[in-house]
């Protein structure tokens, strides 16, 4: 290879700026250009609206799969400020749609953590062949239109408006994505999950792609994870065991719901700031510590385990157990290649204490149900 062909200096460096970088390397921002990335666009667009509900400035969010293959995300919040209109309360909508990370919410217990890298609406705009934003605010209706991240025209006030809110309608760019077919079931699974993890949320997902069979489902769970557990399997005992507790030591809160069911497998789902932690972490370890401590101690109190008997194994404790462990932290630390494991060390001891104390009290005040649970555990084969 000649010196000429291997020469490398500043002139060979290509700098990609703004939304051009997103379109050039979309996988860096949404994970892939396949089905996963396609659905991530929806979650990016919805996260801002859902955070408004959690923040108390909106009450509901409606997500619609439109007949032309697009997505519409609408909320009844105060309406995002329009730069042209001179509002100064937070980042203007034009900036949110064109500047990476503009308006991104800091991660905290009061915000969702769906964003792949927290860049939101700008990435949605960059990867859509068409995006329209509508704002109802201060009695006026504003419309902003973009094509592949570039404004078609200045923001336009199209007349008077009743109420307030923001609606983002976009159609993914066929030049970017390998598929343009959204899965209603995939979206429903995640929005249902978000709703039971955050009881304040009121989410409607509608599908208008086929006029002959339109469908819509509403996700709202006033009792949070307890509602989710109540729907699972055939219960071994009535009622769902649930607890909520705040801990300054872990700078956050823990919520747990569990019930033993008439099935063989364990179904444990854990979350940190509403993000699925499929790799586990300190909150899962704390849950198992507290569960084992409470059940083994109660079994010895009732002389179901003698002083010489070993403790129940994790496999015995988990047989038929369905549980949700959710922590919400001011400063979560995610570990692993895909950030699917919680690493905050103080969380383990706090969750263990909460589960041990609450489950111990439940076992002692529900002797008949406790007997059914312990009988199931003790007759499960050790391995």
Protein backbone atom coordinates (compact mmCIF):
# COMPACT_ATOMS: atom_id res chain seq x y z
CA UNK A 1 0.00 0.00 0.00
CA UNK A 2 1.48 3.38 -1.02
CA UNK A 3 2.03 6.35 1.28
CA UNK A 4 -0.46 8.28 -0.83
CA UNK A 5 -3.21 5.74 -0.22
CA UNK A 6 -2.60 5.60 3.53
CA UNK A 7 -2.26 9.31 4.20
CA UNK A 8 -4.51 10.43 7.03
CA UNK A 9 -4.94 13.96 8.29
CA UNK A 10 -7.67 16.39 9.35
CA UNK A 11 -8.90 16.68 5.77
CA UNK A 12 -10.02 13.03 5.81
CA UNK A 13 -12.26 13.44 8.85
CA UNK A 14 -15.97 13.73 8.12
CA UNK A 15 -17.92 15.49 10.86
CA UNK A 16 -21.62 14.68 11.01
CA UNK A 17 -23.69 17.24 12.84
CA UNK A 18 -27.22 17.33 14.20
CA UNK A 19 -29.88 15.20 12.57
CA UNK A 20 -27.55 14.27 9.71
CA UNK A 21 -25.68 12.08 12.19
CA UNK A 22 -28.91 10.35 13.20
CA UNK A 23 -29.83 9.52 9.62
CA UNK A 24 -26.29 8.30 8.87
CA UNK A 25 -26.04 6.05 11.96
CA UNK A 26 -29.62 5.40 13.16
CA UNK A 27 -28.65 2.26 15.08
CA UNK A 28 -26.61 4.37 17.50
CA UNK A 29 -29.78 6.18 18.53
CA UNK A 30 -32.60 3.63 18.37
CA UNK A 31 -30.77 0.31 18.50
CA UNK A 32 -31.56 -1.00 15.03
CA UNK A 33 -33.34 -0.24 11.76
CA UNK A 34 -35.47 -3.36 12.10
CA UNK A 35 -38.63 -3.92 14.11
CA UNK A 36 -36.94 -3.08 17.41
CA UNK A 37 -35.85 0.36 16.18
CA UNK A 38 -39.21 1.01 14.55
CA UNK A 39 -41.01 0.51 17.87
CA UNK A 40 -38.35 2.52 19.69
CA UNK A 41 -39.47 5.54 17.65
CA UNK A 42 -42.93 5.21 19.17
CA UNK A 43 -41.54 4.94 22.70
CA UNK A 44 -39.32 7.99 22.11
CA UNK A 45 -42.32 10.02 20.95
CA UNK A 46 -44.54 8.78 23.76
CA UNK A 47 -42.04 9.22 26.59
CA UNK A 48 -42.26 13.01 26.58
CA UNK A 49 -46.08 12.88 26.78
CA UNK A 50 -46.10 10.22 29.48
CA UNK A 51 -43.63 12.24 31.55
CA UNK A 52 -46.10 15.13 31.39
CA UNK A 53 -48.73 12.91 33.01
CA UNK A 54 -46.28 11.82 35.70
CA UNK A 55 -45.36 15.46 36.24
CA UNK A 56 -49.00 16.45 36.70
CA UNK A 57 -49.33 18.67 33.62
CA UNK A 58 -51.41 16.17 31.61
CA UNK A 59 -53.95 13.48 32.48
CA UNK A 60 -53.95 11.09 29.53
CA UNK A 61 -52.06 10.02 26.41
CA UNK A 62 -53.56 8.58 23.23
CA UNK A 63 -51.40 6.64 20.76
CA UNK A 64 -52.91 5.76 17.38
CA UNK A 65 -51.61 3.61 14.54
CA UNK A 66 -52.93 5.60 11.59
CA UNK A 67 -54.34 4.29 8.33
CA UNK A 68 -51.37 5.59 6.31
CA UNK A 69 -48.83 3.62 8.35
CA UNK A 70 -47.91 6.39 10.75
CA UNK A 71 -48.22 6.99 14.48
CA UNK A 72 -49.99 9.78 16.33
CA UNK A 73 -49.12 10.54 19.97
CA UNK A 74 -51.46 13.06 21.62
CA UNK A 75 -51.77 14.40 25.16
CA UNK A 76 -53.99 16.88 26.97
CA UNK A 77 -51.17 18.77 28.65
CA UNK A 78 -50.49 22.49 28.59
CA UNK A 79 -49.10 22.37 25.05
CA UNK A 80 -45.40 22.66 24.31
CA UNK A 81 -44.17 26.24 23.81
CA UNK A 82 -43.73 27.52 20.28
CA UNK A 83 -40.54 29.49 19.72
CA UNK A 84 -42.19 31.76 17.16
CA UNK A 85 -44.87 32.68 19.69
CA UNK A 86 -42.29 33.93 22.18
CA UNK A 87 -43.08 31.61 25.07
CA UNK A 88 -40.23 31.09 27.49
CA UNK A 89 -41.37 28.19 29.71
CA UNK A 90 -39.01 25.43 28.72
CA UNK A 91 -37.43 24.35 25.41
CA UNK A 92 -39.50 25.34 22.39
CA UNK A 93 -41.01 22.61 20.27
CA UNK A 94 -38.90 23.56 17.23
CA UNK A 95 -35.74 23.00 19.26
CA UNK A 96 -37.01 19.70 20.65
CA UNK A 97 -37.64 18.51 17.09
CA UNK A 98 -34.31 19.58 15.60
CA UNK A 99 -31.66 19.65 18.35
CA UNK A 100 -30.35 16.40 19.83
CA UNK A 101 -30.93 16.10 23.60
CA UNK A 102 -32.82 19.41 23.73
CA UNK A 103 -35.54 19.09 26.36
CA UNK A 104 -34.39 15.62 27.43
CA UNK A 105 -35.53 14.98 30.97
CA UNK A 106 -32.90 14.09 33.60
CA UNK A 107 -33.30 10.53 34.79
CA UNK A 108 -35.10 10.47 38.13
CA UNK A 109 -37.80 8.53 39.90
CA UNK A 110 -40.42 10.86 38.36
CA UNK A 111 -39.42 10.22 34.75
CA UNK A 112 -39.46 7.21 32.47
CA UNK A 113 -36.29 5.61 31.16
CA UNK A 114 -37.35 4.26 27.78
CA UNK A 115 -35.00 6.41 25.73
CA UNK A 116 -32.12 4.47 24.19
CA UNK A 117 -29.83 7.46 24.75
CA UNK A 118 -32.34 10.10 25.85
CA UNK A 119 -32.65 12.07 22.61
CA UNK A 120 -36.41 11.93 22.09
CA UNK A 121 -38.31 13.91 19.50
CA UNK A 122 -35.32 15.04 17.43
CA UNK A 123 -34.50 11.43 16.55
CA UNK A 124 -38.14 10.71 15.70
CA UNK A 125 -38.13 13.71 13.38
CA UNK A 126 -34.83 12.78 11.74
CA UNK A 127 -35.96 9.23 10.96
CA UNK A 128 -39.44 10.11 9.67
CA UNK A 129 -40.19 10.99 6.07
CA UNK A 130 -42.97 13.23 7.38
CA UNK A 131 -43.71 14.65 10.83
CA UNK A 132 -46.45 17.04 11.86
CA UNK A 133 -46.65 18.63 15.28
CA UNK A 134 -49.84 20.28 16.50
CA UNK A 135 -50.07 22.42 19.62
CA UNK A 136 -53.19 23.76 21.30
CA UNK A 137 -52.14 26.47 23.70
CA UNK A 138 -53.43 29.84 24.94
CA UNK A 139 -56.49 29.52 22.71
CA UNK A 140 -54.47 29.08 19.50
CA UNK A 141 -53.79 26.09 17.26
CA UNK A 142 -50.25 25.83 15.88
CA UNK A 143 -48.96 23.46 13.20
CA UNK A 144 -45.34 22.58 12.41
CA UNK A 145 -44.38 20.34 9.48
CA UNK A 146 -41.11 18.56 8.71
CA UNK A 147 -39.73 16.24 6.06
CA UNK A 148 -36.78 14.08 7.10
CA UNK A 149 -36.00 16.48 9.91
CA UNK A 150 -36.16 19.66 7.81
CA UNK A 151 -38.90 22.23 8.37
CA UNK A 152 -41.27 22.57 5.42
CA UNK A 153 -42.39 26.04 6.53
CA UNK A 154 -42.32 28.26 9.63
CA UNK A 155 -44.73 27.40 12.46
CA UNK A 156 -48.23 28.42 11.44
CA UNK A 157 -51.13 29.50 13.62
CA UNK A 158 -54.17 27.98 11.91
CA UNK A 159 -56.87 29.43 14.13
CA UNK A 160 -58.50 29.17 17.51
CA UNK A 161 -58.35 26.04 19.66
CA UNK A 162 -60.34 24.66 22.55
CA UNK A 163 -58.42 23.14 25.43
CA UNK A 164 -54.71 22.45 25.29
CA UNK A 165 -52.26 19.71 24.39
CA UNK A 166 -49.63 18.47 21.97
CA UNK A 167 -49.94 15.91 19.17
CA UNK A 168 -47.01 14.45 17.22
CA UNK A 169 -47.85 12.52 14.04
CA UNK A 170 -45.04 10.85 12.12
CA UNK A 171 -44.40 8.24 9.45
CA UNK A 172 -41.12 6.29 9.61
CA UNK A 173 -38.82 6.76 6.62
CA UNK A 174 -38.73 3.80 4.22
CA UNK A 175 -35.20 4.84 3.25
CA UNK A 176 -34.07 4.08 6.82
CA UNK A 177 -36.11 1.14 8.11
CA UNK A 178 -36.14 -2.47 6.97
CA UNK A 179 -39.81 -2.78 7.95
CA UNK A 180 -42.60 -0.23 8.37
CA UNK A 181 -45.09 -2.63 9.96
CA UNK A 182 -45.85 -1.80 13.59
CA UNK A 183 -46.91 -4.62 15.89
CA UNK A 184 -49.96 -3.65 17.92
CA UNK A 185 -49.22 -6.43 20.40
CA UNK A 186 -45.60 -5.33 20.95
CA UNK A 187 -46.66 -1.75 21.60
CA UNK A 188 -49.55 -2.86 23.81
CA UNK A 189 -47.27 -5.02 25.94
CA UNK A 190 -44.92 -2.14 26.74
CA UNK A 191 -47.62 0.49 27.31
CA UNK A 192 -49.50 -1.91 29.55
CA UNK A 193 -46.28 -2.47 31.48
CA UNK A 194 -45.72 1.27 31.90
CA UNK A 195 -49.28 1.75 33.09
CA UNK A 196 -49.15 -0.84 35.88
CA UNK A 197 -45.75 0.44 36.98
CA UNK A 198 -47.07 4.02 37.15
CA UNK A 199 -50.63 4.14 38.43
CA UNK A 200 -50.97 7.80 37.42
CA UNK A 201 -50.80 6.89 33.73
CA UNK A 202 -53.90 6.65 31.56
CA UNK A 203 -52.91 5.36 28.10
CA UNK A 204 -55.08 4.49 25.12
CA UNK A 205 -53.62 2.55 22.20
CA UNK A 206 -55.76 2.45 19.04
CA UNK A 207 -55.27 0.78 15.66
CA UNK A 208 -56.97 2.47 12.67
CA UNK A 209 -55.00 0.66 9.96
CA UNK A 210 -57.88 -1.61 8.97
CA UNK A 211 -61.24 0.22 8.94
CA UNK A 212 -63.04 -3.12 8.98
CA UNK A 213 -61.54 -4.16 12.32
CA UNK A 214 -60.54 -1.09 14.32
CA UNK A 215 -59.41 -1.79 17.86
CA UNK A 216 -58.46 0.15 20.92
CA UNK A 217 -57.39 -0.72 24.44
CA UNK A 218 -57.03 1.45 27.51
CA UNK A 219 -54.30 0.86 30.09
CA UNK A 220 -54.95 2.21 33.55
CA UNK A 221 -54.13 0.42 36.81
CA UNK A 222 -55.14 2.37 39.95
CA UNK A 223 -53.60 -0.34 42.17
CA UNK A 224 -50.38 -0.53 40.20
CA UNK A 225 -48.49 -3.86 40.16
CA UNK A 226 -51.16 -5.44 42.38
CA UNK A 227 -53.62 -5.18 39.48
CA UNK A 228 -51.11 -6.89 37.19
CA UNK A 229 -50.46 -9.77 39.60
CA UNK A 230 -54.19 -10.23 40.22
CA UNK A 231 -54.64 -11.18 36.55
CA UNK A 232 -51.96 -13.89 36.53
CA UNK A 233 -52.66 -17.64 36.68
CA UNK A 234 -54.79 -19.51 39.23
CA UNK A 235 -53.93 -18.21 42.71
CA UNK A 236 -52.85 -20.54 45.49
CA UNK A 237 -54.20 -18.03 48.00
CA UNK A 238 -56.69 -15.14 47.74
CA UNK A 239 -55.44 -11.60 47.57
CA UNK A 240 -52.16 -10.12 46.39
CA UNK A 241 -49.34 -9.38 48.81
CA UNK A 242 -48.20 -5.84 48.13
CA UNK A 243 -45.95 -3.25 49.72
CA UNK A 244 -44.63 0.24 49.04
CA UNK A 245 -41.86 1.91 50.98
CA UNK A 246 -39.60 4.93 50.70
CA UNK A 247 -35.91 4.74 51.69
CA UNK A 248 -33.60 7.72 51.97
CA UNK A 249 -30.64 5.30 52.05
CA UNK A 250 -31.29 4.32 48.45
CA UNK A 251 -32.69 7.70 47.40
CA UNK A 252 -35.87 6.20 46.13
CA UNK A 253 -38.82 3.92 46.70
CA UNK A 254 -39.64 0.25 46.31
CA UNK A 255 -42.93 -1.36 45.32
CA UNK A 256 -43.46 -5.11 45.35
CA UNK A 257 -46.48 -7.25 44.50
CA UNK A 258 -46.45 -11.06 44.73
CA UNK A 259 -48.61 -14.12 44.95
CA UNK A 260 -48.04 -17.84 44.76
CA UNK A 261 -50.03 -19.49 42.01
CA UNK A 262 -50.99 -23.00 41.00
CA UNK A 263 -48.22 -23.42 38.45
CA UNK A 264 -44.71 -24.84 38.45
CA UNK A 265 -42.60 -21.98 37.14
CA UNK A 266 -41.47 -18.76 38.77
CA UNK A 267 -42.46 -15.50 37.09
CA UNK A 268 -40.43 -12.61 38.45
CA UNK A 269 -40.29 -9.29 36.63
CA UNK A 270 -38.08 -6.48 37.90
CA UNK A 271 -37.87 -2.83 36.91
CA UNK A 272 -35.83 0.24 37.76
CA UNK A 273 -37.44 3.58 36.94
CA UNK A 274 -39.95 1.66 34.79
CA UNK A 275 -37.14 0.14 32.74
CA UNK A 276 -37.16 -3.68 32.49
CA UNK A 277 -34.08 -5.11 34.20
CA UNK A 278 -33.90 -8.50 32.52
CA UNK A 279 -30.35 -8.88 33.82
CA UNK A 280 -31.54 -8.52 37.41
CA UNK A 281 -29.51 -6.50 39.84
CA UNK A 282 -29.50 -5.33 43.43
CA UNK A 283 -33.29 -4.96 43.68
CA UNK A 284 -33.84 -8.57 42.60
CA UNK A 285 -31.18 -9.81 44.99
CA UNK A 286 -32.77 -7.84 47.81
CA UNK A 287 -36.18 -9.29 46.99
CA UNK A 288 -34.84 -12.86 47.14
CA UNK A 289 -32.96 -12.12 50.38
CA UNK A 290 -36.10 -10.78 52.05
CA UNK A 291 -38.31 -13.57 50.69
CA UNK A 292 -35.98 -16.30 51.96
CA UNK A 293 -35.53 -14.66 55.36
CA UNK A 294 -39.27 -14.25 55.96
CA UNK A 295 -40.41 -17.69 54.76
CA UNK A 296 -37.62 -19.68 56.39
CA UNK A 297 -38.03 -17.88 59.73
CA UNK A 298 -41.81 -18.43 59.71
CA UNK A 299 -41.41 -22.09 58.78
CA UNK A 300 -39.13 -22.58 61.78
CA UNK A 301 -41.57 -20.71 64.04
CA UNK A 302 -44.26 -23.16 62.95
CA UNK A 303 -41.87 -26.09 63.30
CA UNK A 304 -42.25 -26.98 59.65
CA UNK A 305 -38.47 -26.82 59.56
CA UNK A 306 -36.55 -28.33 62.46
CA UNK A 307 -33.29 -26.81 63.72
CA UNK A 308 -31.40 -29.44 61.75
CA UNK A 309 -33.30 -28.92 58.49
CA UNK A 310 -31.67 -26.76 55.80
CA UNK A 311 -33.45 -23.63 54.58
CA UNK A 312 -35.77 -23.86 51.60
CA UNK A 313 -33.91 -23.56 48.32
CA UNK A 314 -34.51 -20.71 45.85
CA UNK A 315 -36.18 -23.24 43.55
CA UNK A 316 -38.64 -24.22 46.28
CA UNK A 317 -39.42 -20.62 47.20
CA UNK A 318 -39.92 -19.68 43.56
CA UNK A 319 -42.19 -22.54 42.48
CA UNK A 320 -45.46 -20.92 41.43
CA UNK A 321 -44.34 -17.47 42.57
CA UNK A 322 -45.45 -14.52 40.46
CA UNK A 323 -43.92 -11.21 41.48
CA UNK A 324 -43.15 -7.67 40.35
CA UNK A 325 -40.26 -5.76 41.95
CA UNK A 326 -40.14 -2.09 40.99
CA UNK A 327 -37.75 0.53 42.33
CA UNK A 328 -37.73 4.21 41.43
CA UNK A 329 -34.48 5.98 42.12
CA UNK A 330 -33.22 9.53 41.87
CA UNK A 331 -29.87 8.29 40.59
CA UNK A 332 -30.17 4.82 39.03
CA UNK A 333 -27.03 3.06 37.85
CA UNK A 334 -27.53 0.58 35.01
CA UNK A 335 -24.87 -1.99 34.21
CA UNK A 336 -24.23 -4.55 31.49
CA UNK A 337 -23.74 -4.24 27.74
CA UNK A 338 -27.37 -3.26 27.22
CA UNK A 339 -27.85 -1.58 30.61
CA UNK A 340 -30.29 -4.24 31.79
CA UNK A 341 -28.96 -4.71 35.34
CA UNK A 342 -29.34 -2.39 38.33
CA UNK A 343 -26.13 -1.69 40.21
CA UNK A 344 -27.05 0.63 43.11
CA UNK A 345 -25.66 -1.19 46.15
CA UNK A 346 -27.85 0.36 48.91
CA UNK A 347 -30.94 -0.93 47.12
CA UNK A 348 -30.29 -4.56 48.06
CA UNK A 349 -30.47 -4.05 51.84
CA UNK A 350 -33.46 -1.70 51.61
CA UNK A 351 -35.54 -4.01 49.43
CA UNK A 352 -34.59 -7.03 51.57
CA UNK A 353 -35.73 -5.27 54.72
CA UNK A 354 -39.03 -4.12 53.18
CA UNK A 355 -39.88 -7.59 51.84
CA UNK A 356 -38.81 -9.43 55.00
CA UNK A 357 -40.84 -7.21 57.33
CA UNK A 358 -43.97 -7.07 55.20
CA UNK A 359 -44.04 -10.74 54.24
CA UNK A 360 -43.39 -11.80 57.85
CA UNK A 361 -46.37 -9.74 58.99
CA UNK A 362 -48.54 -11.20 56.20
CA UNK A 363 -47.64 -14.80 57.07
CA UNK A 364 -48.44 -14.27 60.75
CA UNK A 365 -51.79 -12.55 60.12
CA UNK A 366 -52.95 -14.99 57.40
CA UNK A 367 -52.24 -18.42 58.94
CA UNK A 368 -54.51 -20.41 56.62
CA UNK A 369 -53.04 -18.84 53.50
CA UNK A 370 -49.53 -19.15 54.92
CA UNK A 371 -50.11 -22.87 55.46
CA UNK A 372 -51.12 -23.32 51.82
CA UNK A 373 -48.00 -21.48 50.64
CA UNK A 374 -45.64 -23.37 52.95
CA UNK A 375 -47.18 -26.71 52.06
CA UNK A 376 -46.56 -25.95 48.39
CA UNK A 377 -43.00 -24.87 49.06
CA UNK A 378 -42.12 -27.82 51.29
CA UNK A 379 -43.46 -30.37 48.80
CA UNK A 380 -41.53 -28.92 45.87
CA UNK A 381 -38.48 -30.97 44.99
CA UNK A 382 -35.14 -29.44 45.97
CA UNK A 383 -32.67 -28.80 43.14
